[in-house]
């Protein structure tokens, strides 16, 4: 217990308090009585009261302070709407369209500036953690455009809404609500320990904060003081953001010197494709097993030791693209459970690296998509049959919505 509290105090609050994200008011009263109306607050909710009693006992937090905080937390209909699963047809998965939202001129220019201004810090992070600069730059660019868009939702309101009013239409609503109750608990415990005002911190609609969009428990567990000033500041310190992303990757299995993916030629039958795609993004096959199932992994991937995954990147009516993901690709998906997201991080970082080397490609803003009539190197010989066979088994691609949110 005390170790957890000490970690929280040293890691999460040091940065938030130092940057003014938490005002040192020593009170939960951040709003006028008029703004915390009975209809929108959580003061009369039995489940919220149960939360107060349980957390106060478990965390040794003053129950009156915690109750006052929860009573002032307000339901946010926008947060609930943004987390509500879309109804009706899921639509056609389109990697090209998704990619275009992130690998585009604005992020590339901002990323080039960020990399140039922080080149020494990025090099030190790679030396310390083994995570190349392009992946760190890719994450921060996709998440917040290097701090330009860190969110404007009151974190307490977002977390309370998702803890007590998670959309019931979600198939795993109970598990996700439990996850957000844990994040709310971590956040409020931190505020209490520092005498800070929990209502002064803003972030994404899911409660993620700072340049790398860390959730409260991720901030507590993985954020680092990489600039050596004695505090952690993911809102204003690019060094701390860089080091924290690298540390997050290492904590989730990053392997030094391993690429994120390999190129591949697919000559699989529909049945073989189904076998290869069944584990989704989780590395599950050796290079030899993949070869036996119709994949021709390009060197040096064909010599890779350890598990791999076939990553499917559908392009609507155009030919599907494929790459072979390594355990490091899987690590990137621990930030956001989507192969589209991970590939966008990788390709944004690559585009910025090319721009930094003076070799920006036209495809960085308008990627080429294989022509179904002529493409042979990256689509299976039985492409049409495979698509028909697998269409009903299409996997959900979740858009980035909460930084490193990875609820159950």
Protein backbone atom coordinates (compact mmCIF):
# COMPACT_ATOMS: atom_id res chain seq x y z
CA UNK A 1 0.00 0.00 0.00
CA UNK A 2 2.57 2.58 1.07
CA UNK A 3 4.82 1.67 -1.85
CA UNK A 4 1.97 2.30 -4.28
CA UNK A 5 1.16 5.64 -2.69
CA UNK A 6 4.80 6.70 -2.71
CA UNK A 7 5.12 5.76 -6.37
CA UNK A 8 2.01 7.73 -7.20
CA UNK A 9 3.24 10.77 -5.30
CA UNK A 10 6.72 10.73 -6.81
CA UNK A 11 5.67 9.98 -10.36
CA UNK A 12 2.24 11.30 -11.23
CA UNK A 13 1.89 14.30 -8.99
CA UNK A 14 5.40 15.68 -9.22
CA UNK A 15 4.82 16.56 -12.83
CA UNK A 16 1.22 17.65 -12.63
CA UNK A 17 1.71 19.90 -9.64
CA UNK A 18 4.88 21.45 -11.01
CA UNK A 19 3.25 22.42 -14.29
CA UNK A 20 0.13 23.94 -12.79
CA UNK A 21 -2.06 21.12 -14.05
CA UNK A 22 -3.04 20.76 -10.44
CA UNK A 23 -3.50 24.01 -8.57
CA UNK A 24 -2.25 23.84 -4.98
CA UNK A 25 -5.55 24.72 -3.34
CA UNK A 26 -5.76 21.83 -0.92
CA UNK A 27 -9.46 21.48 -1.60
CA UNK A 28 -11.79 19.66 -3.92
CA UNK A 29 -13.95 22.78 -4.34
CA UNK A 30 -13.15 23.92 -7.84
CA UNK A 31 -16.65 24.88 -8.93
CA UNK A 32 -19.42 27.09 -7.71
CA UNK A 33 -22.44 25.30 -6.17
CA UNK A 34 -24.49 26.32 -9.21
CA UNK A 35 -22.27 24.37 -11.60
CA UNK A 36 -22.54 21.07 -9.72
CA UNK A 37 -26.25 20.46 -10.14
CA UNK A 38 -28.07 17.47 -8.73
CA UNK A 39 -29.02 16.27 -12.20
CA UNK A 40 -25.45 16.21 -13.53
CA UNK A 41 -23.35 15.34 -10.48
CA UNK A 42 -22.69 11.97 -8.87
CA UNK A 43 -23.63 12.98 -5.35
CA UNK A 44 -26.73 10.81 -5.08
CA UNK A 45 -25.58 7.73 -6.94
CA UNK A 46 -25.37 4.57 -4.77
CA UNK A 47 -22.52 3.13 -6.83
CA UNK A 48 -20.56 6.36 -6.47
CA UNK A 49 -21.08 6.32 -2.71
CA UNK A 50 -19.89 2.71 -2.58
CA UNK A 51 -16.81 3.77 -4.56
CA UNK A 52 -16.10 6.52 -2.03
CA UNK A 53 -16.26 4.18 0.95
CA UNK A 54 -14.14 1.46 -0.67
CA UNK A 55 -11.43 3.79 -1.99
CA UNK A 56 -11.25 5.80 1.23
CA UNK A 57 -10.58 2.63 3.18
CA UNK A 58 -8.20 1.05 0.69
CA UNK A 59 -6.16 4.20 0.00
CA UNK A 60 -6.41 5.77 3.47
CA UNK A 61 -8.02 8.87 2.00
CA UNK A 62 -10.24 11.17 4.03
CA UNK A 63 -13.75 10.01 3.20
CA UNK A 64 -15.27 13.48 3.39
CA UNK A 65 -12.73 14.86 0.90
CA UNK A 66 -13.30 12.00 -1.49
CA UNK A 67 -17.08 12.31 -1.23
CA UNK A 68 -16.89 16.04 -1.91
CA UNK A 69 -14.81 15.35 -5.01
CA UNK A 70 -17.22 12.75 -6.35
CA UNK A 71 -20.18 15.01 -5.63
CA UNK A 72 -18.61 17.70 -7.79
CA UNK A 73 -17.74 15.35 -10.64
CA UNK A 74 -20.22 15.86 -13.44
CA UNK A 75 -21.64 13.54 -16.04
CA UNK A 76 -20.36 14.46 -19.51
CA UNK A 77 -22.70 13.39 -22.28
CA UNK A 78 -20.05 14.02 -24.94
CA UNK A 79 -17.65 11.62 -23.25
CA UNK A 80 -20.34 8.94 -23.11
CA UNK A 81 -21.28 9.52 -26.74
CA UNK A 82 -17.69 9.26 -27.93
CA UNK A 83 -17.33 5.92 -26.17
CA UNK A 84 -20.62 4.52 -27.47
CA UNK A 85 -20.18 1.84 -30.15
CA UNK A 86 -21.53 2.87 -33.52
CA UNK A 87 -24.72 1.12 -34.60
CA UNK A 88 -25.56 -0.18 -38.03
CA UNK A 89 -23.10 -1.59 -40.56
CA UNK A 90 -19.50 -1.32 -39.45
CA UNK A 91 -18.48 -0.12 -42.89
CA UNK A 92 -15.56 -1.14 -45.02
CA UNK A 93 -12.16 -1.10 -43.33
CA UNK A 94 -9.88 1.28 -45.20
CA UNK A 95 -6.22 1.42 -44.18
CA UNK A 96 -5.47 4.11 -46.75
CA UNK A 97 -8.16 6.39 -45.35
CA UNK A 98 -7.09 5.77 -41.77
CA UNK A 99 -3.43 6.33 -42.57
CA UNK A 100 -4.19 9.63 -44.28
CA UNK A 101 -5.40 11.10 -40.98
CA UNK A 102 -1.97 10.70 -39.39
CA UNK A 103 0.72 10.41 -42.06
CA UNK A 104 0.10 13.83 -43.53
CA UNK A 105 2.00 17.10 -44.05
CA UNK A 106 1.00 18.85 -40.81
CA UNK A 107 2.24 16.02 -38.59
CA UNK A 108 5.31 15.43 -40.72
CA UNK A 109 6.38 19.09 -40.52
CA UNK A 110 5.66 19.25 -36.80
CA UNK A 111 7.48 15.96 -36.28
CA UNK A 112 10.50 17.14 -38.21
CA UNK A 113 10.70 20.23 -36.02
CA UNK A 114 10.21 18.14 -32.87
CA UNK A 115 12.93 15.68 -33.88
CA UNK A 116 15.41 18.42 -34.80
CA UNK A 117 14.81 20.28 -31.55
CA UNK A 118 15.10 17.13 -29.44
CA UNK A 119 17.66 15.12 -31.41
CA UNK A 120 20.07 14.70 -28.50
CA UNK A 121 17.31 13.59 -26.13
CA UNK A 122 15.92 11.13 -28.66
CA UNK A 123 19.40 9.70 -29.20
CA UNK A 124 19.84 9.34 -25.44
CA UNK A 125 16.48 7.57 -25.17
CA UNK A 126 17.51 5.13 -27.88
CA UNK A 127 20.79 4.45 -26.12
CA UNK A 128 19.07 4.03 -22.73
CA UNK A 129 16.02 2.04 -23.75
CA UNK A 130 16.80 0.67 -27.21
CA UNK A 131 13.77 2.36 -28.80
CA UNK A 132 14.64 4.18 -32.07
CA UNK A 133 13.66 7.83 -32.35
CA UNK A 134 11.22 7.24 -35.18
CA UNK A 135 8.88 5.17 -33.01
CA UNK A 136 8.89 7.70 -30.16
CA UNK A 137 8.32 10.57 -32.59
CA UNK A 138 5.58 8.55 -34.27
CA UNK A 139 3.69 7.96 -31.00
CA UNK A 140 3.77 11.57 -29.83
CA UNK A 141 2.81 12.77 -33.31
CA UNK A 142 -0.18 10.47 -33.64
CA UNK A 143 -1.34 11.15 -30.09
CA UNK A 144 -1.14 14.94 -29.78
CA UNK A 145 0.77 16.42 -32.76
CA UNK A 146 3.69 17.00 -30.36
CA UNK A 147 1.64 18.61 -27.63
CA UNK A 148 -0.64 20.72 -29.81
CA UNK A 149 -3.77 18.72 -29.00
CA UNK A 150 -3.64 17.32 -25.46
CA UNK A 151 -7.38 17.49 -24.85
CA UNK A 152 -9.72 19.91 -23.09
CA UNK A 153 -11.93 17.59 -21.03
CA UNK A 154 -11.86 17.82 -17.25
CA UNK A 155 -10.18 14.54 -16.34
CA UNK A 156 -12.30 13.88 -13.24
CA UNK A 157 -15.50 14.32 -15.22
CA UNK A 158 -14.30 12.04 -18.01
CA UNK A 159 -13.19 9.30 -15.64
CA UNK A 160 -16.33 9.53 -13.47
CA UNK A 161 -18.59 9.38 -16.52
CA UNK A 162 -16.85 6.28 -17.82
CA UNK A 163 -16.63 4.71 -14.36
CA UNK A 164 -20.33 5.07 -13.52
CA UNK A 165 -22.04 5.66 -16.88
CA UNK A 166 -20.06 3.66 -19.40
CA UNK A 167 -22.26 3.07 -22.47
CA UNK A 168 -24.39 0.02 -21.69
CA UNK A 169 -24.51 -0.88 -25.38
CA UNK A 170 -20.83 -1.82 -25.35
CA UNK A 171 -20.39 -5.61 -25.25
CA UNK A 172 -17.82 -5.32 -22.45
CA UNK A 173 -19.31 -2.37 -20.60
CA UNK A 174 -18.86 -3.92 -17.14
CA UNK A 175 -15.16 -4.64 -17.67
CA UNK A 176 -14.46 -1.21 -19.08
CA UNK A 177 -16.37 0.57 -16.33
CA UNK A 178 -14.27 -1.35 -13.81
CA UNK A 179 -11.11 -0.23 -15.62
CA UNK A 180 -12.14 3.42 -15.45
CA UNK A 181 -13.06 3.16 -11.78
CA UNK A 182 -9.45 2.10 -11.21
CA UNK A 183 -8.18 5.08 -13.20
CA UNK A 184 -10.47 7.44 -11.28
CA UNK A 185 -9.23 5.98 -8.00
CA UNK A 186 -5.59 6.50 -9.01
CA UNK A 187 -6.21 10.05 -10.12
CA UNK A 188 -8.09 11.12 -7.00
CA UNK A 189 -5.62 9.39 -4.67
CA UNK A 190 -2.84 11.41 -6.25
CA UNK A 191 -4.72 14.68 -5.85
CA UNK A 192 -5.44 13.93 -2.20
CA UNK A 193 -1.83 13.07 -1.35
CA UNK A 194 -0.60 16.39 -2.72
CA UNK A 195 -3.40 18.64 -1.49
CA UNK A 196 -4.14 19.44 -5.12
CA UNK A 197 -7.33 20.38 -6.89
CA UNK A 198 -8.34 17.43 -9.08
CA UNK A 199 -10.63 19.57 -11.22
CA UNK A 200 -7.84 21.65 -12.71
CA UNK A 201 -6.39 18.90 -14.92
CA UNK A 202 -7.60 18.44 -18.49
CA UNK A 203 -6.96 15.69 -20.99
CA UNK A 204 -8.66 13.49 -23.56
CA UNK A 205 -12.26 12.38 -23.30
CA UNK A 206 -11.02 9.10 -21.81
CA UNK A 207 -8.85 10.80 -19.20
CA UNK A 208 -5.46 10.50 -20.92
CA UNK A 209 -2.99 13.30 -20.21
CA UNK A 210 0.06 15.07 -21.54
CA UNK A 211 2.03 14.88 -24.77
CA UNK A 212 2.03 11.07 -24.85
CA UNK A 213 -1.54 10.80 -23.48
CA UNK A 214 -0.87 8.60 -20.46
CA UNK A 215 -3.75 7.34 -18.34
CA UNK A 216 -3.31 7.93 -14.57
CA UNK A 217 -2.03 4.43 -13.81
CA UNK A 218 0.33 4.49 -16.79
CA UNK A 219 1.67 7.84 -15.61
CA UNK A 220 2.23 6.34 -12.17
CA UNK A 221 3.84 3.16 -13.47
CA UNK A 222 5.82 4.20 -16.54
CA UNK A 223 6.49 7.96 -16.60
CA UNK A 224 10.10 8.97 -15.94
CA UNK A 225 12.05 12.11 -15.09
CA UNK A 226 14.20 12.10 -18.23
CA UNK A 227 15.36 15.70 -18.02
CA UNK A 228 16.73 15.20 -14.52
CA UNK A 229 15.01 18.15 -12.87
CA UNK A 230 13.58 16.07 -10.04
CA UNK A 231 9.99 15.97 -11.28
CA UNK A 232 7.97 14.42 -14.07
CA UNK A 233 6.14 16.72 -16.45
CA UNK A 234 4.45 15.12 -19.44
CA UNK A 235 2.59 18.33 -20.24
CA UNK A 236 5.58 20.60 -20.71
CA UNK A 237 8.82 18.59 -20.74
CA UNK A 238 9.57 17.04 -24.12
CA UNK A 239 12.42 15.10 -22.50
CA UNK A 240 10.11 13.51 -19.94
CA UNK A 241 7.60 12.67 -22.68
CA UNK A 242 10.30 11.07 -24.83
CA UNK A 243 11.78 9.04 -22.01
CA UNK A 244 8.37 7.97 -20.74
CA UNK A 245 7.23 6.65 -24.12
CA UNK A 246 10.46 4.68 -24.45
CA UNK A 247 10.09 3.32 -20.91
CA UNK A 248 6.47 2.34 -21.63
CA UNK A 249 7.62 0.38 -24.68
CA UNK A 250 10.32 -1.45 -22.74
CA UNK A 251 7.88 -2.29 -19.94
CA UNK A 252 5.59 -3.84 -22.56
CA UNK A 253 8.21 -6.03 -24.18
CA UNK A 254 10.21 -3.89 -26.60
CA UNK A 255 13.29 -5.72 -27.89
CA UNK A 256 16.36 -3.68 -28.77
CA UNK A 257 17.46 -3.91 -32.40
CA UNK A 258 14.30 -5.63 -33.71
CA UNK A 259 12.27 -3.91 -36.46
CA UNK A 260 8.53 -3.51 -36.08
CA UNK A 261 7.61 -5.43 -39.23
CA UNK A 262 8.87 -7.13 -42.37
CA UNK A 263 7.54 -6.93 -45.92
CA UNK A 264 5.86 -10.05 -47.23
CA UNK A 265 4.44 -11.62 -50.37
CA UNK A 266 1.26 -13.61 -49.77
CA UNK A 267 0.49 -16.72 -51.79
CA UNK A 268 -1.84 -18.34 -49.30
CA UNK A 269 -5.10 -20.15 -49.92
CA UNK A 270 -8.22 -18.84 -48.14
CA UNK A 271 -7.93 -21.58 -45.53
CA UNK A 272 -4.27 -20.77 -44.94
CA UNK A 273 -5.11 -17.08 -44.61
CA UNK A 274 -7.75 -17.87 -42.05
CA UNK A 275 -5.18 -19.79 -40.02
CA UNK A 276 -2.61 -17.02 -40.28
CA UNK A 277 -5.06 -14.26 -39.36
CA UNK A 278 -6.80 -16.08 -36.52
CA UNK A 279 -4.41 -14.80 -33.78
CA UNK A 280 -4.87 -11.24 -35.14
CA UNK A 281 -1.97 -9.00 -34.05
CA UNK A 282 -0.48 -11.41 -31.51
CA UNK A 283 2.78 -12.99 -32.78
CA UNK A 284 2.07 -16.71 -32.97
CA UNK A 285 3.97 -18.27 -35.89
CA UNK A 286 7.63 -18.85 -36.67
CA UNK A 287 9.04 -17.69 -40.01
CA UNK A 288 9.17 -21.33 -41.13
CA UNK A 289 5.54 -21.92 -40.17
CA UNK A 290 4.51 -18.84 -42.10
CA UNK A 291 6.43 -20.01 -45.15
CA UNK A 292 4.61 -23.34 -44.99
CA UNK A 293 1.33 -21.40 -45.02
CA UNK A 294 2.12 -19.53 -48.19
CA UNK A 295 4.01 -16.43 -47.01
CA UNK A 296 7.28 -15.30 -48.53
CA UNK A 297 8.79 -13.02 -45.90
CA UNK A 298 11.35 -10.65 -47.36
CA UNK A 299 14.91 -10.73 -45.98
CA UNK A 300 15.96 -10.38 -43.25
CA UNK A 301 12.55 -11.35 -41.89
CA UNK A 302 12.83 -14.86 -43.30
CA UNK A 303 15.68 -15.39 -40.82
CA UNK A 304 13.79 -13.97 -37.87
CA UNK A 305 13.83 -16.08 -34.74
CA UNK A 306 10.80 -15.93 -32.51
CA UNK A 307 7.07 -15.48 -33.13
CA UNK A 308 5.54 -13.33 -35.86
CA UNK A 309 2.04 -12.20 -36.86
CA UNK A 310 0.47 -11.60 -40.25
CA UNK A 311 -0.95 -8.07 -40.17
CA UNK A 312 -3.89 -7.41 -42.48
CA UNK A 313 -4.44 -3.86 -43.77
CA UNK A 314 -7.65 -3.80 -45.86
CA UNK A 315 -8.00 -1.01 -48.43
CA UNK A 316 -11.77 -0.97 -49.04
CA UNK A 317 -12.28 -2.11 -52.63
CA UNK A 318 -8.57 -2.10 -53.45
CA UNK A 319 -6.22 -4.96 -52.70
CA UNK A 320 -5.50 -5.70 -49.09
CA UNK A 321 -1.97 -4.95 -47.92
CA UNK A 322 -0.07 -7.23 -45.59
CA UNK A 323 3.03 -6.99 -43.44
CA UNK A 324 4.53 -9.40 -40.94
CA UNK A 325 4.52 -7.91 -37.45
CA UNK A 326 7.23 -8.68 -34.93
CA UNK A 327 6.88 -8.64 -31.13
CA UNK A 328 7.86 -4.95 -31.33
CA UNK A 329 4.84 -4.26 -33.55
CA UNK A 330 2.74 -5.97 -30.89
CA UNK A 331 4.34 -3.73 -28.26
CA UNK A 332 3.15 -0.65 -30.14
CA UNK A 333 -0.39 -2.02 -30.04
CA UNK A 334 -0.18 -2.03 -26.23
CA UNK A 335 -0.58 1.73 -26.62
CA UNK A 336 -3.76 1.31 -28.67
CA UNK A 337 -5.31 -2.03 -29.58
CA UNK A 338 -5.31 -1.54 -33.34
CA UNK A 339 -3.04 -2.68 -36.15
CA UNK A 340 -4.08 0.44 -38.08
CA UNK A 341 -2.91 2.59 -35.17
CA UNK A 342 0.43 0.81 -34.82
CA UNK A 343 1.14 0.96 -38.53
CA UNK A 344 0.31 4.69 -38.57
CA UNK A 345 2.83 5.24 -35.75
CA UNK A 346 5.47 3.33 -37.68
CA UNK A 347 4.84 5.03 -41.00
CA UNK A 348 4.60 8.53 -39.53
CA UNK A 349 7.97 8.00 -37.88
CA UNK A 350 9.43 6.69 -41.12
CA UNK A 351 8.07 9.65 -43.08
CA UNK A 352 9.61 12.11 -40.62
CA UNK A 353 12.92 10.25 -40.75
CA UNK A 354 12.91 10.56 -44.55
CA UNK A 355 12.09 14.25 -44.31
CA UNK A 356 14.92 14.72 -41.83
CA UNK A 357 17.30 13.05 -44.26
CA UNK A 358 16.07 15.23 -47.11
CA UNK A 359 14.27 12.39 -48.84
CA UNK A 360 10.58 13.03 -48.24
CA UNK A 361 8.44 10.97 -50.59
CA UNK A 362 5.17 11.91 -52.27
CA UNK A 363 3.67 8.84 -50.65
CA UNK A 364 4.11 10.45 -47.24
CA UNK A 365 0.98 12.47 -47.88
CA UNK A 366 -0.74 10.38 -50.54
CA UNK A 367 0.17 6.72 -50.16
CA UNK A 368 0.06 4.44 -53.14
CA UNK A 369 -2.53 1.70 -52.92
CA UNK A 370 -2.07 -1.54 -54.83
CA UNK A 371 -4.16 -1.88 -57.98
CA UNK A 372 -6.21 -5.06 -57.63
CA UNK A 373 -5.84 -5.68 -61.35
CA UNK A 374 -2.06 -5.48 -61.44
CA UNK A 375 -0.74 -6.01 -57.92
CA UNK A 376 1.05 -9.31 -57.49
CA UNK A 377 3.80 -8.76 -54.94
CA UNK A 378 1.64 -8.04 -51.91
CA UNK A 379 -1.61 -9.88 -52.47
CA UNK A 380 -2.38 -13.58 -52.57
CA UNK A 381 -2.95 -15.40 -55.82
CA UNK A 382 -6.45 -16.23 -54.56
CA UNK A 383 -7.13 -12.64 -53.44
CA UNK A 384 -10.75 -12.46 -54.55
CA UNK A 385 -11.66 -15.82 -53.08
CA UNK A 386 -9.86 -15.04 -49.85
CA UNK A 387 -11.67 -11.74 -49.47
CA UNK A 388 -15.02 -13.39 -49.97
CA UNK A 389 -14.17 -16.13 -47.50
CA UNK A 390 -12.91 -13.76 -44.82
CA UNK A 391 -15.30 -10.85 -45.26
CA UNK A 392 -17.64 -12.09 -42.55
CA UNK A 393 -14.68 -12.50 -40.21
CA UNK A 394 -13.37 -8.95 -40.56
CA UNK A 395 -11.69 -7.72 -37.42
CA UNK A 396 -12.66 -4.49 -35.73
CA UNK A 397 -10.14 -1.66 -36.08
CA UNK A 398 -10.45 0.78 -33.17
CA UNK A 399 -9.51 4.37 -33.82
CA UNK A 400 -7.18 5.99 -31.32
CA UNK A 401 -9.30 7.57 -28.65
CA UNK A 402 -7.46 7.55 -25.39
CA UNK A 403 -3.78 7.53 -25.75
CA UNK A 404 -2.44 4.38 -24.24
CA UNK A 405 -5.89 3.27 -23.19
CA UNK A 406 -6.03 -0.51 -23.20
CA UNK A 407 -9.04 -1.41 -21.10
CA UNK A 408 -10.11 -5.04 -20.96
